[in-house]
Full PDB file with SEQRES, HELIX, SHEET, SSBOND, CRYST1, ORIGX, SCALE, CONECT and MASTER records, all heavy atoms in Angstrom:
SEQRES   1 A   35  LEU LYS GLU PHE LEU ASP TYR TYR GLU LYS VAL THR SER          
SEQRES   2 A   35  ASN ASP PHE GLN PHE TYR ALA ASN LEU LYS PRO PHE LEU          
SEQRES   3 A   35  ASP GLU LEU PHE PRO ALA ILE ASP GLN                          
HELIX    1 AA1 LYS A    2  VAL A   11  1                                  10    
HELIX    2 AA2 ASP A   15  ASN A   21  1                                   7    
HELIX    3 AA3 LYS A   23  ILE A   33  1                                  11    
CRYST1    1.000    1.000    1.000  90.00  90.00  90.00 P 1           1          
ORIGX1      1.000000  0.000000  0.000000        0.00000                         
ORIGX2      0.000000  1.000000  0.000000        0.00000                         
ORIGX3      0.000000  0.000000  1.000000        0.00000                         
SCALE1      1.000000  0.000000  0.000000        0.00000                         
SCALE2      0.000000  1.000000  0.000000        0.00000                         
SCALE3      0.000000  0.000000  1.000000        0.00000                         
ATOM      1  N   LEU A   1      95.908  79.103 117.127  1.00  0.00           N  
ATOM      2  CA  LEU A   1      96.531  79.683 115.947  1.00  0.00           C  
ATOM      3  C   LEU A   1      96.006  79.011 114.681  1.00  0.00           C  
ATOM      4  O   LEU A   1      95.692  79.692 113.697  1.00  0.00           O  
ATOM      5  CB  LEU A   1      98.055  79.544 116.025  1.00  0.00           C  
ATOM      6  CG  LEU A   1      98.838  79.989 114.772  1.00  0.00           C  
ATOM      7  CD1 LEU A   1      98.582  81.459 114.448  1.00  0.00           C  
ATOM      8  CD2 LEU A   1     100.337  79.726 114.947  1.00  0.00           C  
ATOM      9  N   LYS A   2      95.898  77.685 114.696  1.00  0.00           N  
ATOM     10  CA  LYS A   2      95.403  76.980 113.510  1.00  0.00           C  
ATOM     11  C   LYS A   2      93.976  77.394 113.175  1.00  0.00           C  
ATOM     12  O   LYS A   2      93.641  77.633 112.011  1.00  0.00           O  
ATOM     13  CB  LYS A   2      95.471  75.464 113.720  1.00  0.00           C  
ATOM     14  CG  LYS A   2      95.017  74.662 112.487  1.00  0.00           C  
ATOM     15  CD  LYS A   2      95.052  73.177 112.725  1.00  0.00           C  
ATOM     16  CE  LYS A   2      94.707  72.399 111.458  1.00  0.00           C  
ATOM     17  NZ  LYS A   2      93.415  72.811 110.862  1.00  0.00           N  
ATOM     18  N   GLU A   3      93.125  77.461 114.187  1.00  0.00           N  
ATOM     19  CA  GLU A   3      91.743  77.882 113.953  1.00  0.00           C  
ATOM     20  C   GLU A   3      91.701  79.302 113.398  1.00  0.00           C  
ATOM     21  O   GLU A   3      90.908  79.600 112.497  1.00  0.00           O  
ATOM     22  CB  GLU A   3      90.945  77.810 115.252  1.00  0.00           C  
ATOM     23  CG  GLU A   3      90.631  76.392 115.706  1.00  0.00           C  
ATOM     24  CD  GLU A   3      89.965  76.363 117.057  1.00  0.00           C  
ATOM     25  OE1 GLU A   3      90.351  77.173 117.936  1.00  0.00           O  
ATOM     26  OE2 GLU A   3      89.069  75.523 117.261  1.00  0.00           O  
ATOM     27  N   PHE A   4      92.534  80.165 113.934  1.00  0.00           N  
ATOM     28  CA  PHE A   4      92.597  81.561 113.486  1.00  0.00           C  
ATOM     29  C   PHE A   4      93.032  81.641 112.028  1.00  0.00           C  
ATOM     30  O   PHE A   4      92.412  82.351 111.219  1.00  0.00           O  
ATOM     31  CB  PHE A   4      93.578  82.324 114.374  1.00  0.00           C  
ATOM     32  CG  PHE A   4      93.648  83.800 114.098  1.00  0.00           C  
ATOM     33  CD1 PHE A   4      92.689  84.661 114.606  1.00  0.00           C  
ATOM     34  CD2 PHE A   4      94.692  84.324 113.344  1.00  0.00           C  
ATOM     35  CE1 PHE A   4      92.770  86.029 114.359  1.00  0.00           C  
ATOM     36  CE2 PHE A   4      94.770  85.674 113.087  1.00  0.00           C  
ATOM     37  CZ  PHE A   4      93.809  86.535 113.607  1.00  0.00           C  
ATOM     38  N   LEU A   5      94.089  80.906 111.671  1.00  0.00           N  
ATOM     39  CA  LEU A   5      94.574  80.924 110.292  1.00  0.00           C  
ATOM     40  C   LEU A   5      93.558  80.326 109.336  1.00  0.00           C  
ATOM     41  O   LEU A   5      93.366  80.855 108.222  1.00  0.00           O  
ATOM     42  CB  LEU A   5      95.908  80.175 110.194  1.00  0.00           C  
ATOM     43  CG  LEU A   5      97.093  80.807 110.922  1.00  0.00           C  
ATOM     44  CD1 LEU A   5      98.321  79.910 110.809  1.00  0.00           C  
ATOM     45  CD2 LEU A   5      97.415  82.190 110.360  1.00  0.00           C  
ATOM     46  N   ASP A   6      92.907  79.260 109.733  1.00  0.00           N  
ATOM     47  CA  ASP A   6      91.878  78.653 108.890  1.00  0.00           C  
ATOM     48  C   ASP A   6      90.727  79.634 108.657  1.00  0.00           C  
ATOM     49  O   ASP A   6      90.208  79.751 107.534  1.00  0.00           O  
ATOM     50  CB  ASP A   6      91.337  77.369 109.529  1.00  0.00           C  
ATOM     51  CG  ASP A   6      92.336  76.229 109.488  1.00  0.00           C  
ATOM     52  OD1 ASP A   6      93.324  76.325 108.724  1.00  0.00           O  
ATOM     53  OD2 ASP A   6      92.129  75.233 110.211  1.00  0.00           O  
ATOM     54  N   TYR A   7      90.337  80.311 109.713  1.00  0.00           N  
ATOM     55  CA  TYR A   7      89.248  81.287 109.610  1.00  0.00           C  
ATOM     56  C   TYR A   7      89.627  82.439 108.693  1.00  0.00           C  
ATOM     57  O   TYR A   7      88.863  82.828 107.801  1.00  0.00           O  
ATOM     58  CB  TYR A   7      88.896  81.809 111.004  1.00  0.00           C  
ATOM     59  CG  TYR A   7      87.909  82.959 110.993  1.00  0.00           C  
ATOM     60  CD1 TYR A   7      86.568  82.752 110.674  1.00  0.00           C  
ATOM     61  CD2 TYR A   7      88.321  84.249 111.307  1.00  0.00           C  
ATOM     62  CE1 TYR A   7      85.670  83.801 110.667  1.00  0.00           C  
ATOM     63  CE2 TYR A   7      87.426  85.303 111.308  1.00  0.00           C  
ATOM     64  CZ  TYR A   7      86.104  85.073 110.986  1.00  0.00           C  
ATOM     65  OH  TYR A   7      85.208  86.119 110.976  1.00  0.00           O  
ATOM     66  N   TYR A   8      90.831  82.973 108.877  1.00  0.00           N  
ATOM     67  CA  TYR A   8      91.250  84.115 108.065  1.00  0.00           C  
ATOM     68  C   TYR A   8      91.499  83.726 106.612  1.00  0.00           C  
ATOM     69  O   TYR A   8      91.309  84.537 105.711  1.00  0.00           O  
ATOM     70  CB  TYR A   8      92.481  84.795 108.678  1.00  0.00           C  
ATOM     71  CG  TYR A   8      92.082  85.970 109.533  1.00  0.00           C  
ATOM     72  CD1 TYR A   8      91.561  85.779 110.807  1.00  0.00           C  
ATOM     73  CD2 TYR A   8      92.176  87.270 109.066  1.00  0.00           C  
ATOM     74  CE1 TYR A   8      91.148  86.843 111.588  1.00  0.00           C  
ATOM     75  CE2 TYR A   8      91.782  88.340 109.837  1.00  0.00           C  
ATOM     76  CZ  TYR A   8      91.263  88.120 111.100  1.00  0.00           C  
ATOM     77  OH  TYR A   8      90.846  89.187 111.856  1.00  0.00           O  
ATOM     78  N   GLU A   9      91.911  82.501 106.388  1.00  0.00           N  
ATOM     79  CA  GLU A   9      92.054  82.043 105.003  1.00  0.00           C  
ATOM     80  C   GLU A   9      90.688  82.037 104.315  1.00  0.00           C  
ATOM     81  O   GLU A   9      90.568  82.406 103.137  1.00  0.00           O  
ATOM     82  CB  GLU A   9      92.667  80.643 104.971  1.00  0.00           C  
ATOM     83  CG  GLU A   9      92.916  80.135 103.550  1.00  0.00           C  
ATOM     84  CD  GLU A   9      93.673  78.818 103.509  1.00  0.00           C  
ATOM     85  OE1 GLU A   9      94.202  78.397 104.562  1.00  0.00           O  
ATOM     86  OE2 GLU A   9      93.728  78.206 102.426  1.00  0.00           O  
ATOM     87  N   LYS A  10      89.671  81.653 105.061  1.00  0.00           N  
ATOM     88  CA  LYS A  10      88.316  81.621 104.502  1.00  0.00           C  
ATOM     89  C   LYS A  10      87.793  83.020 104.235  1.00  0.00           C  
ATOM     90  O   LYS A  10      87.274  83.314 103.149  1.00  0.00           O  
ATOM     91  CB  LYS A  10      87.373  80.887 105.461  1.00  0.00           C  
ATOM     92  CG  LYS A  10      85.924  80.917 105.017  1.00  0.00           C  
ATOM     93  CD  LYS A  10      85.003  80.277 106.050  1.00  0.00           C  
ATOM     94  CE  LYS A  10      83.550  80.405 105.629  1.00  0.00           C  
ATOM     95  NZ  LYS A  10      82.629  79.828 106.660  1.00  0.00           N  
ATOM     96  N   VAL A  11      87.932  83.922 105.215  1.00  0.00           N  
ATOM     97  CA  VAL A  11      87.310  85.242 105.085  1.00  0.00           C  
ATOM     98  C   VAL A  11      88.116  86.197 104.202  1.00  0.00           C  
ATOM     99  O   VAL A  11      87.684  87.323 103.958  1.00  0.00           O  
ATOM    100  CB  VAL A  11      87.047  85.878 106.464  1.00  0.00           C  
ATOM    101  CG1 VAL A  11      86.078  85.025 107.265  1.00  0.00           C  
ATOM    102  CG2 VAL A  11      88.343  86.101 107.233  1.00  0.00           C  
ATOM    103  N   THR A  12      89.279  85.759 103.738  1.00  0.00           N  
ATOM    104  CA  THR A  12      90.033  86.560 102.764  1.00  0.00           C  
ATOM    105  C   THR A  12      90.124  85.850 101.420  1.00  0.00           C  
ATOM    106  O   THR A  12      90.941  86.220 100.572  1.00  0.00           O  
ATOM    107  CB  THR A  12      91.455  86.870 103.279  1.00  0.00           C  
ATOM    108  OG1 THR A  12      92.155  85.640 103.517  1.00  0.00           O  
ATOM    109  CG2 THR A  12      91.422  87.696 104.549  1.00  0.00           C  
ATOM    110  N   SER A  13      89.299  84.844 101.221  1.00  0.00           N  
ATOM    111  CA  SER A  13      89.358  84.073  99.980  1.00  0.00           C  
ATOM    112  C   SER A  13      88.818  84.852  98.786  1.00  0.00           C  
ATOM    113  O   SER A  13      89.180  84.582  97.638  1.00  0.00           O  
ATOM    114  CB  SER A  13      88.591  82.757 100.125  1.00  0.00           C  
ATOM    115  OG  SER A  13      87.232  82.998 100.458  1.00  0.00           O  
ATOM    116  N   ASN A  14      87.953  85.832  99.046  1.00  0.00           N  
ATOM    117  CA  ASN A  14      87.426  86.684  97.978  1.00  0.00           C  
ATOM    118  C   ASN A  14      86.826  87.938  98.611  1.00  0.00           C  
ATOM    119  O   ASN A  14      86.686  88.040  99.836  1.00  0.00           O  
ATOM    120  CB  ASN A  14      86.381  85.944  97.128  1.00  0.00           C  
ATOM    121  CG  ASN A  14      85.257  85.363  97.958  1.00  0.00           C  
ATOM    122  OD1 ASN A  14      84.582  86.083  98.692  1.00  0.00           O  
ATOM    123  ND2 ASN A  14      85.060  84.045  97.867  1.00  0.00           N  
ATOM    124  N   ASP A  15      86.463  88.892  97.765  1.00  0.00           N  
ATOM    125  CA  ASP A  15      85.944  90.165  98.266  1.00  0.00           C  
ATOM    126  C   ASP A  15      84.625  89.999  99.015  1.00  0.00           C  
ATOM    127  O   ASP A  15      84.368  90.711  99.994  1.00  0.00           O  
ATOM    128  CB  ASP A  15      85.769  91.157  97.116  1.00  0.00           C  
ATOM    129  CG  ASP A  15      87.069  91.843  96.740  1.00  0.00           C  
ATOM    130  OD1 ASP A  15      88.079  91.650  97.454  1.00  0.00           O  
ATOM    131  OD2 ASP A  15      87.088  92.579  95.735  1.00  0.00           O  
ATOM    132  N   PHE A  16      83.782  89.092  98.545  1.00  0.00           N  
ATOM    133  CA  PHE A  16      82.498  88.893  99.227  1.00  0.00           C  
ATOM    134  C   PHE A  16      82.718  88.495 100.681  1.00  0.00           C  
ATOM    135  O   PHE A  16      82.088  89.030 101.600  1.00  0.00           O  
ATOM    136  CB  PHE A  16      81.677  87.813  98.505  1.00  0.00           C  
ATOM    137  CG  PHE A  16      80.394  87.483  99.216  1.00  0.00           C  
ATOM    138  CD1 PHE A  16      79.274  88.286  99.066  1.00  0.00           C  
ATOM    139  CD2 PHE A  16      80.319  86.369 100.054  1.00  0.00           C  
ATOM    140  CE1 PHE A  16      78.093  87.988  99.747  1.00  0.00           C  
ATOM    141  CE2 PHE A  16      79.146  86.070 100.731  1.00  0.00           C  
ATOM    142  CZ  PHE A  16      78.029  86.880 100.578  1.00  0.00           C  
ATOM    143  N   GLN A  17      83.637  87.539 100.904  1.00  0.00           N  
ATOM    144  CA  GLN A  17      83.937  87.099 102.262  1.00  0.00           C  
ATOM    145  C   GLN A  17      84.525  88.237 103.095  1.00  0.00           C  
ATOM    146  O   GLN A  17      84.192  88.402 104.278  1.00  0.00           O  
ATOM    147  CB  GLN A  17      84.911  85.916 102.225  1.00  0.00           C  
ATOM    148  CG  GLN A  17      84.317  84.611 101.737  1.00  0.00           C  
ATOM    149  CD  GLN A  17      83.402  83.977 102.763  1.00  0.00           C  
ATOM    150  OE1 GLN A  17      83.385  84.340 103.928  1.00  0.00           O  
ATOM    151  NE2 GLN A  17      82.620  83.007 102.325  1.00  0.00           N  
ATOM    152  N   PHE A  18      85.395  89.030 102.474  1.00  0.00           N  
ATOM    153  CA  PHE A  18      85.998  90.159 103.192  1.00  0.00           C  
ATOM    154  C   PHE A  18      84.928  91.138 103.646  1.00  0.00           C  
ATOM    155  O   PHE A  18      84.897  91.552 104.816  1.00  0.00           O  
ATOM    156  CB  PHE A  18      87.018  90.868 102.296  1.00  0.00           C  
ATOM    157  CG  PHE A  18      87.515  92.166 102.875  1.00  0.00           C  
ATOM    158  CD1 PHE A  18      88.562  92.169 103.785  1.00  0.00           C  
ATOM    159  CD2 PHE A  18      86.931  93.374 102.525  1.00  0.00           C  
ATOM    160  CE1 PHE A  18      89.012  93.361 104.338  1.00  0.00           C  
ATOM    161  CE2 PHE A  18      87.387  94.570 103.066  1.00  0.00           C  
ATOM    162  CZ  PHE A  18      88.422  94.558 103.976  1.00  0.00           C  
ATOM    163  N   TYR A  19      84.061  91.543 102.722  1.00  0.00           N  
ATOM    164  CA  TYR A  19      83.039  92.537 103.059  1.00  0.00           C  
ATOM    165  C   TYR A  19      82.030  91.994 104.064  1.00  0.00           C  
ATOM    166  O   TYR A  19      81.519  92.755 104.897  1.00  0.00           O  
ATOM    167  CB  TYR A  19      82.326  93.010 101.790  1.00  0.00           C  
ATOM    168  CG  TYR A  19      83.164  93.953 100.963  1.00  0.00           C  
ATOM    169  CD1 TYR A  19      83.651  93.575  99.720  1.00  0.00           C  
ATOM    170  CD2 TYR A  19      83.480  95.222 101.435  1.00  0.00           C  
ATOM    171  CE1 TYR A  19      84.440  94.434  98.967  1.00  0.00           C  
ATOM    172  CE2 TYR A  19      84.266  96.093 100.691  1.00  0.00           C  
ATOM    173  CZ  TYR A  19      84.738  95.691  99.459  1.00  0.00           C  
ATOM    174  OH  TYR A  19      85.515  96.551  98.727  1.00  0.00           O  
ATOM    175  N   ALA A  20      81.749  90.717 104.012  1.00  0.00           N  
ATOM    176  CA  ALA A  20      80.773  90.131 104.930  1.00  0.00           C  
ATOM    177  C   ALA A  20      81.333  89.939 106.331  1.00  0.00           C  
ATOM    178  O   ALA A  20      80.613  90.081 107.327  1.00  0.00           O  
ATOM    179  CB  ALA A  20      80.271  88.800 104.375  1.00  0.00           C  
ATOM    180  N   ASN A  21      82.639  89.625 106.431  1.00  0.00           N  
ATOM    181  CA  ASN A  21      83.195  89.206 107.712  1.00  0.00           C  
ATOM    182  C   ASN A  21      84.209  90.157 108.336  1.00  0.00           C  
ATOM    183  O   ASN A  21      84.325  90.206 109.566  1.00  0.00           O  
ATOM    184  CB  ASN A  21      83.856  87.829 107.557  1.00  0.00           C  
ATOM    185  CG  ASN A  21      82.873  86.744 107.225  1.00  0.00           C  
ATOM    186  OD1 ASN A  21      82.146  86.280 108.082  1.00  0.00           O  
ATOM    187  ND2 ASN A  21      82.840  86.332 105.955  1.00  0.00           N  
ATOM    188  N   LEU A  22      84.952  90.904 107.527  1.00  0.00           N  
ATOM    189  CA  LEU A  22      86.016  91.737 108.072  1.00  0.00           C  
ATOM    190  C   LEU A  22      85.726  93.237 108.021  1.00  0.00           C  
ATOM    191  O   LEU A  22      86.090  93.967 108.937  1.00  0.00           O  
ATOM    192  CB  LEU A  22      87.334  91.435 107.348  1.00  0.00           C  
ATOM    193  CG  LEU A  22      87.868  90.019 107.554  1.00  0.00           C  
ATOM    194  CD1 LEU A  22      89.127  89.793 106.740  1.00  0.00           C  
ATOM    195  CD2 LEU A  22      88.147  89.738 109.033  1.00  0.00           C  
ATOM    196  N   LYS A  23      85.089  93.684 106.957  1.00  0.00           N  
ATOM    197  CA  LYS A  23      84.802  95.121 106.862  1.00  0.00           C  
ATOM    198  C   LYS A  23      83.966  95.630 108.033  1.00  0.00           C  
ATOM    199  O   LYS A  23      84.192  96.767 108.490  1.00  0.00           O  
ATOM    200  CB  LYS A  23      84.122  95.458 105.539  1.00  0.00           C  
ATOM    201  CG  LYS A  23      83.959  96.967 105.327  1.00  0.00           C  
ATOM    202  CD  LYS A  23      83.382  97.277 103.967  1.00  0.00           C  
ATOM    203  CE  LYS A  23      83.251  98.786 103.776  1.00  0.00           C  
ATOM    204  NZ  LYS A  23      82.214  99.357 104.668  1.00  0.00           N  
ATOM    205  N   PRO A  24      83.005  94.851 108.557  1.00  0.00           N  
ATOM    206  CA  PRO A  24      82.258  95.343 109.723  1.00  0.00           C  
ATOM    207  C   PRO A  24      83.152  95.720 110.907  1.00  0.00           C  
ATOM    208  O   PRO A  24      82.807  96.601 111.692  1.00  0.00           O  
ATOM    209  CB  PRO A  24      81.336  94.168 110.072  1.00  0.00           C  
ATOM    210  CG  PRO A  24      81.115  93.489 108.758  1.00  0.00           C  
ATOM    211  CD  PRO A  24      82.444  93.585 108.045  1.00  0.00           C  
ATOM    212  N   PHE A  25      84.306  95.033 111.045  1.00  0.00           N  
ATOM    213  CA  PHE A  25      85.255  95.383 112.106  1.00  0.00           C  
ATOM    214  C   PHE A  25      85.705  96.830 111.953  1.00  0.00           C  
ATOM    215  O   PHE A  25      85.724  97.603 112.922  1.00  0.00           O  
ATOM    216  CB  PHE A  25      86.459  94.435 112.052  1.00  0.00           C  
ATOM    217  CG  PHE A  25      87.507  94.717 113.095  1.00  0.00           C  
ATOM    218  CD1 PHE A  25      87.389  94.191 114.367  1.00  0.00           C  
ATOM    219  CD2 PHE A  25      88.612  95.499 112.798  1.00  0.00           C  
ATOM    220  CE1 PHE A  25      88.357  94.452 115.337  1.00  0.00           C  
ATOM    221  CE2 PHE A  25      89.585  95.761 113.754  1.00  0.00           C  
ATOM    222  CZ  PHE A  25      89.461  95.235 115.027  1.00  0.00           C  
ATOM    223  N   LEU A  26      86.047  97.205 110.723  1.00  0.00           N  
ATOM    224  CA  LEU A  26      86.493  98.575 110.465  1.00  0.00           C  
ATOM    225  C   LEU A  26      85.342  99.558 110.626  1.00  0.00           C  
ATOM    226  O   LEU A  26      85.527 100.658 111.160  1.00  0.00           O  
ATOM    227  CB  LEU A  26      87.077  98.678 109.052  1.00  0.00           C  
ATOM    228  CG  LEU A  26      87.717 100.022 108.706  1.00  0.00           C  
ATOM    229  CD1 LEU A  26      88.985 100.231 109.514  1.00  0.00           C  
ATOM    230  CD2 LEU A  26      88.040 100.110 107.229  1.00  0.00           C  
ATOM    231  N   ASP A  27      84.159  99.180 110.172  1.00  0.00           N  
ATOM    232  CA  ASP A  27      82.996 100.060 110.278  1.00  0.00           C  
ATOM    233  C   ASP A  27      82.681 100.399 111.735  1.00  0.00           C  
ATOM    234  O   ASP A  27      82.207 101.500 112.036  1.00  0.00           O  
ATOM    235  CB  ASP A  27      81.772  99.402 109.628  1.00  0.00           C  
ATOM    236  CG  ASP A  27      81.917  99.257 108.124  1.00  0.00           C  
ATOM    237  OD1 ASP A  27      82.723 100.011 107.530  1.00  0.00           O  
ATOM    238  OD2 ASP A  27      81.254  98.378 107.543  1.00  0.00           O  
ATOM    239  N   GLU A  28      82.952  99.450 112.616  1.00  0.00           N  
ATOM    240  CA  GLU A  28      82.722  99.687 114.040  1.00  0.00           C  
ATOM    241  C   GLU A  28      83.904 100.408 114.685  1.00  0.00           C  
ATOM    242  O   GLU A  28      83.726 101.222 115.597  1.00  0.00           O  
ATOM    243  CB  GLU A  28      82.487  98.351 114.764  1.00  0.00           C  
ATOM    244  CG  GLU A  28      81.272  97.569 114.296  1.00  0.00           C  
ATOM    245  CD  GLU A  28      79.967  98.109 114.853  1.00  0.00           C  
ATOM    246  OE1 GLU A  28      80.007  99.058 115.656  1.00  0.00           O  
ATOM    247  OE2 GLU A  28      78.908  97.584 114.478  1.00  0.00           O  
ATOM    248  N   LEU A  29      85.098 100.113 114.214  1.00  0.00           N  
ATOM    249  CA  LEU A  29      86.309 100.644 114.840  1.00  0.00           C  
ATOM    250  C   LEU A  29      86.559 102.110 114.503  1.00  0.00           C  
ATOM    251  O   LEU A  29      86.912 102.907 115.383  1.00  0.00           O  
ATOM    252  CB  LEU A  29      87.520  99.804 114.412  1.00  0.00           C  
ATOM    253  CG  LEU A  29      88.883 100.205 114.977  1.00  0.00           C  
ATOM    254  CD1 LEU A  29      88.892 100.061 116.495  1.00  0.00           C  
ATOM    255  CD2 LEU A  29      89.994  99.348 114.373  1.00  0.00           C  
ATOM    256  N   PHE A  30      86.370 102.485 113.239  1.00  0.00           N  
ATOM    257  CA  PHE A  30      86.730 103.835 112.819  1.00  0.00           C  
ATOM    258  C   PHE A  30      85.996 104.920 113.606  1.00  0.00           C  
ATOM    259  O   PHE A  30      86.634 105.862 114.099  1.00  0.00           O  
ATOM    260  CB  PHE A  30      86.491 104.013 111.311  1.00  0.00           C  
ATOM    261  CG  PHE A  30      87.034 105.312 110.770  1.00  0.00           C  
ATOM    262  CD1 PHE A  30      88.333 105.391 110.300  1.00  0.00           C  
ATOM    263  CD2 PHE A  30      86.250 106.454 110.746  1.00  0.00           C  
ATOM    264  CE1 PHE A  30      88.840 106.585 109.812  1.00  0.00           C  
ATOM    265  CE2 PHE A  30      86.751 107.655 110.264  1.00  0.00           C  
ATOM    266  CZ  PHE A  30      88.051 107.728 109.786  1.00  0.00           C  
ATOM    267  N   PRO A  31      84.672 104.840 113.757  1.00  0.00           N  
ATOM    268  CA  PRO A  31      83.987 105.899 114.510  1.00  0.00           C  
ATOM    269  C   PRO A  31      84.463 106.014 115.955  1.00  0.00           C  
ATOM    270  O   PRO A  31      84.455 107.108 116.531  1.00  0.00           O  
ATOM    271  CB  PRO A  31      82.511 105.474 114.458  1.00  0.00           C  
ATOM    272  CG  PRO A  31      82.413 104.589 113.276  1.00  0.00           C  
ATOM    273  CD  PRO A  31      83.715 103.861 113.215  1.00  0.00           C  
ATOM    274  N   ALA A  32      84.904 104.888 116.522  1.00  0.00           N  
ATOM    275  CA  ALA A  32      85.349 104.903 117.913  1.00  0.00           C  
ATOM    276  C   ALA A  32      86.650 105.681 118.088  1.00  0.00           C  
ATOM    277  O   ALA A  32      86.856 106.327 119.125  1.00  0.00           O  
ATOM    278  CB  ALA A  32      85.523 103.477 118.420  1.00  0.00           C  
ATOM    279  N   ILE A  33      87.522 105.634 117.078  1.00  0.00           N  
ATOM    280  CA  ILE A  33      88.806 106.332 117.215  1.00  0.00           C  
ATOM    281  C   ILE A  33      88.835 107.666 116.462  1.00  0.00           C  
ATOM    282  O   ILE A  33      89.801 108.410 116.561  1.00  0.00           O  
ATOM    283  CB  ILE A  33      89.986 105.440 116.762  1.00  0.00           C  
ATOM    284  CG1 ILE A  33      89.867 105.057 115.295  1.00  0.00           C  
ATOM    285  CG2 ILE A  33      90.077 104.207 117.628  1.00  0.00           C  
ATOM    286  CD1 ILE A  33      91.042 104.226 114.800  1.00  0.00           C  
ATOM    287  N   ASP A  34      87.760 107.954 115.712  1.00  0.00           N  
ATOM    288  CA  ASP A  34      87.604 109.271 115.092  1.00  0.00           C  
ATOM    289  C   ASP A  34      86.980 110.182 116.141  1.00  0.00           C  
ATOM    290  O   ASP A  34      85.777 110.432 116.165  1.00  0.00           O  
ATOM    291  CB  ASP A  34      86.712 109.158 113.853  1.00  0.00           C  
ATOM    292  CG  ASP A  34      86.413 110.515 113.231  1.00  0.00           C  
ATOM    293  OD1 ASP A  34      87.132 111.493 113.539  1.00  0.00           O  
ATOM    294  OD2 ASP A  34      85.444 110.600 112.454  1.00  0.00           O  
ATOM    295  N   GLN A  35      87.820 110.718 116.999  1.00  0.00           N  
ATOM    296  CA  GLN A  35      87.329 111.390 118.203  1.00  0.00           C  
ATOM    297  C   GLN A  35      86.564 112.681 117.924  1.00  0.00           C  
ATOM    298  O   GLN A  35      85.730 113.110 118.727  1.00  0.00           O  
ATOM    299  CB  GLN A  35      88.500 111.663 119.155  1.00  0.00           C  
ATOM    300  CG  GLN A  35      89.188 110.374 119.609  1.00  0.00           C  
ATOM    301  CD  GLN A  35      90.195 110.614 120.693  1.00  0.00           C  
ATOM    302  OE1 GLN A  35      89.870 110.655 121.878  1.00  0.00           O  
ATOM    303  NE2 GLN A  35      91.436 110.792 120.294  1.00  0.00           N  
TER     304      GLN A  35                                                      
MASTER        0    0    0    3    0    0    0    6  303    1    0    3          
END                                                                             
C-alpha cells in the first residue's frame, strides 16, 4: 500500500506525469471495452 501511494502521489503530481504514466492505461483500456 505504501509503495502504491508513493507511486500514485508521484504520477499525479502534475499533468505531465499523468499523461506519461496514467493516460496510457485508459488508451489501452477504452478500445477493449468499446465492443
